[in-house]
């Protein structure tokens, strides 16, 4: 998906009916694994709060993710499958995320470093923020 108007819209909350979207998202991420480490559902044309990403060699899916804590800001250079080129953006080295798992139970997880950067990028997509 490269439609900037669509990508700039906030995604709607995901529900159990959206589980097939998560599967599609994972399949698309695997198909682009050589140049992509994370995707949000709006990148495959579905405006739902679902992200998938490489979490240290294992793919993870988060439903309705939100950053609840962040620390240690820095400037990162990022690219995106939906955009051409590389851009600077503010990121945090450590974040805590509240999300729902595939059973839609609320969970919390702390991410650091590269994985935290990926998760922030994908949550930005859910919020309609393009780097």
N, C-alpha and C. Protein backbone atom coordinates (compact mmCIF):
# COMPACT_ATOMS: atom_id res chain seq x y z
N UNK A 1 0.85 -1.18 0.00
CA UNK A 1 0.00 0.00 0.00
C UNK A 1 0.89 1.23 0.00
N UNK A 2 0.67 2.09 -0.96
CA UNK A 2 1.47 3.31 -1.04
C UNK A 2 0.60 4.57 -1.09
N UNK A 3 -0.70 4.43 -0.84
CA UNK A 3 -1.63 5.55 -0.84
C UNK A 3 -1.44 6.36 0.44
N UNK A 4 -0.82 7.52 0.32
CA UNK A 4 -0.49 8.34 1.49
C UNK A 4 -1.72 8.80 2.26
N UNK A 5 -2.82 9.05 1.58
CA UNK A 5 -4.05 9.48 2.26
C UNK A 5 -4.57 8.35 3.14
N UNK A 6 -4.58 7.12 2.62
CA UNK A 6 -5.02 5.96 3.40
C UNK A 6 -4.07 5.72 4.57
N UNK A 7 -2.76 5.72 4.30
CA UNK A 7 -1.76 5.43 5.34
C UNK A 7 -1.74 6.49 6.44
N UNK A 8 -2.18 7.70 6.15
CA UNK A 8 -2.16 8.79 7.14
C UNK A 8 -3.39 8.77 8.05
N UNK A 9 -4.28 7.80 7.89
CA UNK A 9 -5.46 7.69 8.74
C UNK A 9 -5.18 6.77 9.92
N UNK A 10 -5.75 7.11 11.07
CA UNK A 10 -5.62 6.24 12.24
C UNK A 10 -6.38 4.95 11.98
N UNK A 11 -5.79 3.84 12.41
CA UNK A 11 -6.43 2.54 12.23
C UNK A 11 -7.46 2.28 13.32
N UNK A 12 -8.49 1.53 12.98
CA UNK A 12 -9.54 1.16 13.93
C UNK A 12 -9.06 0.02 14.83
N UNK A 13 -9.62 -0.09 16.02
CA UNK A 13 -9.24 -1.21 16.90
C UNK A 13 -9.52 -2.55 16.24
N UNK A 14 -8.66 -3.51 16.53
CA UNK A 14 -8.83 -4.87 16.02
C UNK A 14 -9.67 -5.68 16.99
N UNK A 15 -10.34 -6.71 16.46
CA UNK A 15 -11.13 -7.62 17.28
C UNK A 15 -10.84 -9.05 16.84
N UNK A 16 -11.46 -10.01 17.51
CA UNK A 16 -11.23 -11.42 17.19
C UNK A 16 -11.59 -11.75 15.73
N UNK A 17 -12.52 -11.01 15.15
CA UNK A 17 -12.87 -11.23 13.74
C UNK A 17 -11.72 -10.89 12.81
N UNK A 18 -10.71 -10.18 13.31
CA UNK A 18 -9.58 -9.75 12.50
C UNK A 18 -8.39 -10.71 12.53
N UNK A 19 -8.54 -11.86 13.17
CA UNK A 19 -7.45 -12.83 13.23
C UNK A 19 -6.93 -13.22 11.83
N UNK A 20 -7.80 -13.40 10.82
CA UNK A 20 -7.29 -13.71 9.48
C UNK A 20 -6.40 -12.61 8.90
N UNK A 21 -6.65 -11.37 9.28
CA UNK A 21 -5.81 -10.26 8.82
C UNK A 21 -4.39 -10.43 9.35
N UNK A 22 -4.29 -10.86 10.61
CA UNK A 22 -2.96 -11.07 11.20
C UNK A 22 -2.20 -12.14 10.43
N UNK A 23 -2.89 -13.19 10.01
CA UNK A 23 -2.25 -14.25 9.23
C UNK A 23 -1.77 -13.70 7.89
N UNK A 24 -2.61 -12.91 7.23
CA UNK A 24 -2.20 -12.28 5.96
C UNK A 24 -0.98 -11.39 6.16
N UNK A 25 -0.98 -10.66 7.26
CA UNK A 25 0.12 -9.76 7.57
C UNK A 25 1.42 -10.54 7.75
N UNK A 26 1.36 -11.64 8.49
CA UNK A 26 2.54 -12.48 8.69
C UNK A 26 3.04 -13.06 7.37
N UNK A 27 2.13 -13.52 6.52
CA UNK A 27 2.53 -14.08 5.22
C UNK A 27 3.20 -13.01 4.36
N UNK A 28 2.67 -11.80 4.38
CA UNK A 28 3.26 -10.71 3.60
C UNK A 28 4.63 -10.34 4.15
N UNK A 29 4.76 -10.30 5.48
CA UNK A 29 6.05 -9.99 6.10
C UNK A 29 7.08 -11.05 5.73
N UNK A 30 6.70 -12.31 5.79
CA UNK A 30 7.63 -13.39 5.40
C UNK A 30 8.04 -13.27 3.94
N UNK A 31 7.11 -12.89 3.07
CA UNK A 31 7.41 -12.75 1.65
C UNK A 31 8.40 -11.62 1.39
N UNK A 32 8.47 -10.64 2.29
CA UNK A 32 9.37 -9.48 2.14
C UNK A 32 10.51 -9.51 3.16
N UNK A 33 10.81 -10.67 3.72
CA UNK A 33 11.78 -10.75 4.82
C UNK A 33 13.17 -10.24 4.46
N UNK A 34 13.52 -10.24 3.18
CA UNK A 34 14.84 -9.75 2.79
C UNK A 34 14.99 -8.24 2.97
N UNK A 35 13.87 -7.50 2.93
CA UNK A 35 13.98 -6.05 3.04
C UNK A 35 13.02 -5.43 4.03
N UNK A 36 12.41 -6.26 4.89
CA UNK A 36 11.39 -5.74 5.80
C UNK A 36 11.41 -6.52 7.11
N UNK A 37 11.37 -5.81 8.23
CA UNK A 37 11.38 -6.45 9.55
C UNK A 37 10.09 -6.24 10.33
N UNK A 38 9.18 -5.46 9.78
CA UNK A 38 7.91 -5.22 10.46
C UNK A 38 6.88 -4.66 9.51
N UNK A 39 5.61 -4.92 9.82
CA UNK A 39 4.51 -4.39 9.01
C UNK A 39 3.31 -4.11 9.90
N UNK A 40 2.53 -3.13 9.48
CA UNK A 40 1.25 -2.84 10.11
C UNK A 40 0.15 -3.19 9.11
N UNK A 41 -1.04 -3.50 9.62
CA UNK A 41 -2.13 -3.95 8.74
C UNK A 41 -2.46 -2.94 7.65
N UNK A 42 -2.31 -1.65 7.93
CA UNK A 42 -2.65 -0.68 6.88
C UNK A 42 -1.70 -0.77 5.69
N UNK A 43 -0.54 -1.37 5.88
CA UNK A 43 0.40 -1.55 4.78
C UNK A 43 -0.07 -2.61 3.79
N UNK A 44 -1.05 -3.43 4.20
CA UNK A 44 -1.64 -4.40 3.28
C UNK A 44 -3.10 -4.01 2.96
N UNK A 45 -3.43 -2.74 3.22
CA UNK A 45 -4.73 -2.21 2.83
C UNK A 45 -5.86 -2.41 3.82
N UNK A 46 -5.53 -2.75 5.07
CA UNK A 46 -6.56 -2.97 6.09
C UNK A 46 -6.31 -2.02 7.25
N UNK A 47 -7.26 -1.16 7.53
CA UNK A 47 -7.10 -0.14 8.55
C UNK A 47 -7.50 -0.66 9.94
N UNK A 48 -6.66 -1.57 10.47
CA UNK A 48 -6.87 -2.14 11.80
C UNK A 48 -5.57 -2.06 12.59
N UNK A 49 -5.66 -1.95 13.91
CA UNK A 49 -4.47 -1.84 14.78
C UNK A 49 -3.87 -3.22 15.01
N UNK A 50 -3.13 -3.69 14.01
CA UNK A 50 -2.43 -4.98 14.09
C UNK A 50 -1.04 -4.76 13.52
N UNK A 51 -0.02 -5.24 14.24
CA UNK A 51 1.34 -5.18 13.72
C UNK A 51 1.98 -6.56 13.81
N UNK A 52 2.92 -6.81 12.91
CA UNK A 52 3.72 -8.03 12.91
C UNK A 52 5.16 -7.61 12.72
N UNK A 53 6.09 -8.30 13.41
CA UNK A 53 7.49 -7.89 13.32
C UNK A 53 8.40 -9.04 13.73
N UNK A 54 9.65 -8.89 13.35
CA UNK A 54 10.70 -9.85 13.70
C UNK A 54 11.19 -9.50 15.11
N UNK A 55 10.95 -10.42 16.03
CA UNK A 55 11.36 -10.23 17.43
C UNK A 55 12.50 -11.22 17.71
N UNK A 56 13.71 -10.80 17.35
CA UNK A 56 14.91 -11.63 17.54
C UNK A 56 14.80 -12.99 16.83
N UNK A 57 14.38 -12.96 15.56
CA UNK A 57 14.32 -14.18 14.76
C UNK A 57 13.00 -14.92 14.80
N UNK A 58 12.06 -14.45 15.60
CA UNK A 58 10.74 -15.08 15.68
C UNK A 58 9.70 -13.99 15.41
N UNK A 59 8.72 -14.30 14.55
CA UNK A 59 7.70 -13.29 14.25
C UNK A 59 6.69 -13.17 15.39
N UNK A 60 6.33 -11.94 15.70
CA UNK A 60 5.34 -11.65 16.74
C UNK A 60 4.22 -10.82 16.13
N UNK A 61 3.02 -10.98 16.66
CA UNK A 61 1.86 -10.19 16.25
C UNK A 61 1.27 -9.55 17.49
N UNK A 62 0.99 -8.26 17.41
CA UNK A 62 0.35 -7.53 18.50
C UNK A 62 -0.94 -6.91 17.98
N UNK A 63 -2.01 -7.08 18.72
CA UNK A 63 -3.28 -6.47 18.40
C UNK A 63 -3.47 -5.26 19.30
N UNK A 64 -3.89 -4.16 18.74
CA UNK A 64 -4.18 -2.92 19.48
C UNK A 64 -3.01 -2.45 20.34
N UNK A 65 -1.80 -2.43 19.78
CA UNK A 65 -0.64 -2.02 20.58
C UNK A 65 -0.63 -0.52 20.87
N UNK A 66 -0.18 -0.19 22.07
CA UNK A 66 0.01 1.21 22.48
C UNK A 66 1.25 1.29 23.35
N UNK A 67 2.05 2.30 23.12
CA UNK A 67 3.22 2.53 23.96
C UNK A 67 2.76 3.23 25.23
N UNK A 68 3.08 2.63 26.39
CA UNK A 68 2.66 3.21 27.66
C UNK A 68 3.82 3.82 28.43
N UNK A 69 5.07 3.43 28.10
CA UNK A 69 6.27 4.03 28.70
C UNK A 69 7.35 4.06 27.65
N UNK A 70 8.19 5.09 27.72
CA UNK A 70 9.32 5.18 26.78
C UNK A 70 10.45 5.95 27.45
N UNK A 71 11.69 5.56 27.10
CA UNK A 71 12.84 6.24 27.70
C UNK A 71 14.03 6.21 26.74
N UNK A 72 14.94 7.13 26.98
CA UNK A 72 16.20 7.23 26.25
C UNK A 72 16.00 7.56 24.77
N UNK A 73 15.56 8.78 24.46
CA UNK A 73 15.32 9.16 23.06
C UNK A 73 16.60 9.26 22.24
N UNK A 74 16.47 9.02 20.94
CA UNK A 74 17.58 9.16 19.99
C UNK A 74 17.01 9.41 18.60
N UNK A 75 17.85 9.79 17.67
CA UNK A 75 17.43 9.99 16.29
C UNK A 75 17.85 8.78 15.47
N UNK A 76 16.91 8.23 14.70
CA UNK A 76 17.17 7.05 13.88
C UNK A 76 16.93 7.39 12.41
N UNK A 77 17.58 6.65 11.54
CA UNK A 77 17.34 6.73 10.10
C UNK A 77 16.53 5.49 9.74
N UNK A 78 15.35 5.69 9.13
CA UNK A 78 14.48 4.56 8.81
C UNK A 78 13.98 4.62 7.38
N UNK A 79 13.75 3.44 6.85
CA UNK A 79 13.09 3.29 5.57
C UNK A 79 11.76 2.59 5.81
N UNK A 80 10.96 2.47 4.74
CA UNK A 80 9.63 1.86 4.86
C UNK A 80 9.23 1.30 3.51
N UNK A 81 8.61 0.13 3.51
CA UNK A 81 8.13 -0.44 2.24
C UNK A 81 7.12 0.46 1.55
N UNK A 82 6.37 1.23 2.32
CA UNK A 82 5.33 2.09 1.76
C UNK A 82 5.87 3.43 1.24
N UNK A 83 7.11 3.76 1.57
CA UNK A 83 7.69 5.05 1.18
C UNK A 83 9.04 4.82 0.53
N UNK A 84 9.42 5.72 -0.33
CA UNK A 84 10.76 5.60 -0.91
C UNK A 84 11.75 6.41 -0.07
N UNK A 85 13.00 5.96 -0.05
CA UNK A 85 14.04 6.69 0.65
C UNK A 85 14.12 6.36 2.13
N UNK A 86 14.99 7.12 2.80
CA UNK A 86 15.26 6.98 4.23
C UNK A 86 15.04 8.34 4.88
N UNK A 87 14.49 8.33 6.09
CA UNK A 87 14.21 9.59 6.79
C UNK A 87 14.66 9.49 8.25
N UNK A 88 14.92 10.65 8.83
CA UNK A 88 15.26 10.73 10.26
C UNK A 88 13.97 10.80 11.07
N UNK A 89 13.99 10.16 12.23
CA UNK A 89 12.84 10.21 13.11
C UNK A 89 13.29 9.99 14.56
N UNK A 90 12.51 10.48 15.50
CA UNK A 90 12.82 10.32 16.91
C UNK A 90 12.29 8.96 17.38
N UNK A 91 13.15 8.23 18.07
CA UNK A 91 12.78 6.93 18.64
C UNK A 91 13.27 6.86 20.08
N UNK A 92 12.85 5.81 20.78
CA UNK A 92 13.25 5.58 22.16
C UNK A 92 13.90 4.20 22.25
N UNK A 93 14.99 4.11 23.02
CA UNK A 93 15.71 2.83 23.13
C UNK A 93 14.96 1.77 23.91
N UNK A 94 14.06 2.22 24.79
CA UNK A 94 13.30 1.28 25.61
C UNK A 94 11.84 1.73 25.67
N UNK A 95 10.95 0.80 25.38
CA UNK A 95 9.51 1.11 25.44
C UNK A 95 8.77 -0.02 26.14
N UNK A 96 7.65 0.31 26.75
CA UNK A 96 6.74 -0.70 27.26
C UNK A 96 5.45 -0.57 26.46
N UNK A 97 4.95 -1.71 25.98
CA UNK A 97 3.77 -1.73 25.12
C UNK A 97 2.65 -2.52 25.80
N UNK A 98 1.46 -1.92 25.77
CA UNK A 98 0.24 -2.64 26.18
C UNK A 98 -0.40 -3.10 24.87
N UNK A 99 -0.78 -4.36 24.80
CA UNK A 99 -1.36 -4.90 23.58
C UNK A 99 -2.28 -6.06 23.94
N UNK A 100 -2.91 -6.62 22.95
CA UNK A 100 -3.70 -7.82 23.13
C UNK A 100 -3.07 -8.94 22.32
N UNK A 101 -3.10 -10.14 22.89
CA UNK A 101 -2.57 -11.31 22.18
C UNK A 101 -3.65 -11.89 21.27
N UNK A 102 -3.39 -13.05 20.67
CA UNK A 102 -4.33 -13.65 19.71
C UNK A 102 -5.64 -14.12 20.37
N UNK A 103 -5.67 -14.20 21.69
CA UNK A 103 -6.91 -14.51 22.41
C UNK A 103 -7.57 -13.21 22.92
N UNK A 104 -6.98 -12.09 22.60
CA UNK A 104 -7.42 -10.75 22.98
C UNK A 104 -7.39 -10.52 24.48
N UNK A 105 -6.37 -11.14 25.09
CA UNK A 105 -6.06 -10.87 26.49
C UNK A 105 -5.04 -9.73 26.52
N UNK A 106 -5.21 -8.80 27.44
CA UNK A 106 -4.29 -7.66 27.54
C UNK A 106 -2.98 -8.11 28.15
N UNK A 107 -1.90 -7.69 27.51
CA UNK A 107 -0.54 -8.03 27.93
C UNK A 107 0.31 -6.77 27.93
N UNK A 108 1.46 -6.85 28.60
CA UNK A 108 2.45 -5.79 28.60
C UNK A 108 3.80 -6.42 28.28
N UNK A 109 4.59 -5.74 27.48
CA UNK A 109 5.92 -6.25 27.19
C UNK A 109 6.86 -5.07 26.98
N UNK A 110 8.09 -5.22 27.47
CA UNK A 110 9.11 -4.20 27.29
C UNK A 110 10.02 -4.63 26.14
N UNK A 111 10.29 -3.68 25.26
CA UNK A 111 11.19 -3.91 24.12
C UNK A 111 12.32 -2.92 24.22
N UNK A 112 13.50 -3.36 23.77
CA UNK A 112 14.68 -2.49 23.79
C UNK A 112 15.40 -2.56 22.45
N UNK A 113 16.19 -1.51 22.18
CA UNK A 113 17.07 -1.51 21.02
C UNK A 113 16.34 -1.59 19.69
N UNK A 114 16.89 -2.44 18.82
CA UNK A 114 16.39 -2.58 17.44
C UNK A 114 14.92 -3.00 17.43
N UNK A 115 14.55 -3.95 18.28
CA UNK A 115 13.16 -4.41 18.31
C UNK A 115 12.23 -3.27 18.74
N UNK A 116 12.65 -2.49 19.71
CA UNK A 116 11.85 -1.33 20.14
C UNK A 116 11.66 -0.35 18.98
N UNK A 117 12.70 -0.16 18.19
CA UNK A 117 12.60 0.76 17.05
C UNK A 117 11.59 0.24 16.03
N UNK A 118 11.63 -1.06 15.75
CA UNK A 118 10.68 -1.65 14.80
C UNK A 118 9.25 -1.47 15.31
N UNK A 119 9.02 -1.79 16.57
CA UNK A 119 7.68 -1.70 17.14
C UNK A 119 7.17 -0.25 17.09
N UNK A 120 8.02 0.72 17.40
CA UNK A 120 7.61 2.12 17.34
C UNK A 120 7.20 2.51 15.93
N UNK A 121 7.97 2.07 14.93
CA UNK A 121 7.66 2.37 13.53
C UNK A 121 6.28 1.83 13.17
N UNK A 122 6.00 0.58 13.55
CA UNK A 122 4.72 -0.03 13.19
C UNK A 122 3.55 0.58 13.96
N UNK A 123 3.75 0.93 15.21
CA UNK A 123 2.69 1.61 15.96
C UNK A 123 2.42 2.98 15.34
N UNK A 124 3.46 3.66 14.88
CA UNK A 124 3.25 4.92 14.15
C UNK A 124 2.30 4.70 12.97
N UNK A 125 2.51 3.61 12.22
CA UNK A 125 1.60 3.30 11.10
C UNK A 125 0.16 3.21 11.59
N UNK A 126 -0.05 2.52 12.71
CA UNK A 126 -1.42 2.39 13.26
C UNK A 126 -2.02 3.75 13.61
N UNK A 127 -1.15 4.67 13.99
CA UNK A 127 -1.60 6.01 14.37
C UNK A 127 -1.66 6.99 13.20
N UNK A 128 -1.39 6.49 11.99
CA UNK A 128 -1.42 7.35 10.80
C UNK A 128 -0.21 8.25 10.68
N UNK A 129 0.87 7.91 11.38
CA UNK A 129 2.10 8.71 11.34
C UNK A 129 3.07 8.08 10.35
N UNK A 130 3.48 8.85 9.36
CA UNK A 130 4.46 8.38 8.38
C UNK A 130 5.78 9.07 8.64
N UNK A 131 6.87 8.31 8.61
CA UNK A 131 8.18 8.93 8.86
C UNK A 131 8.57 9.80 7.68
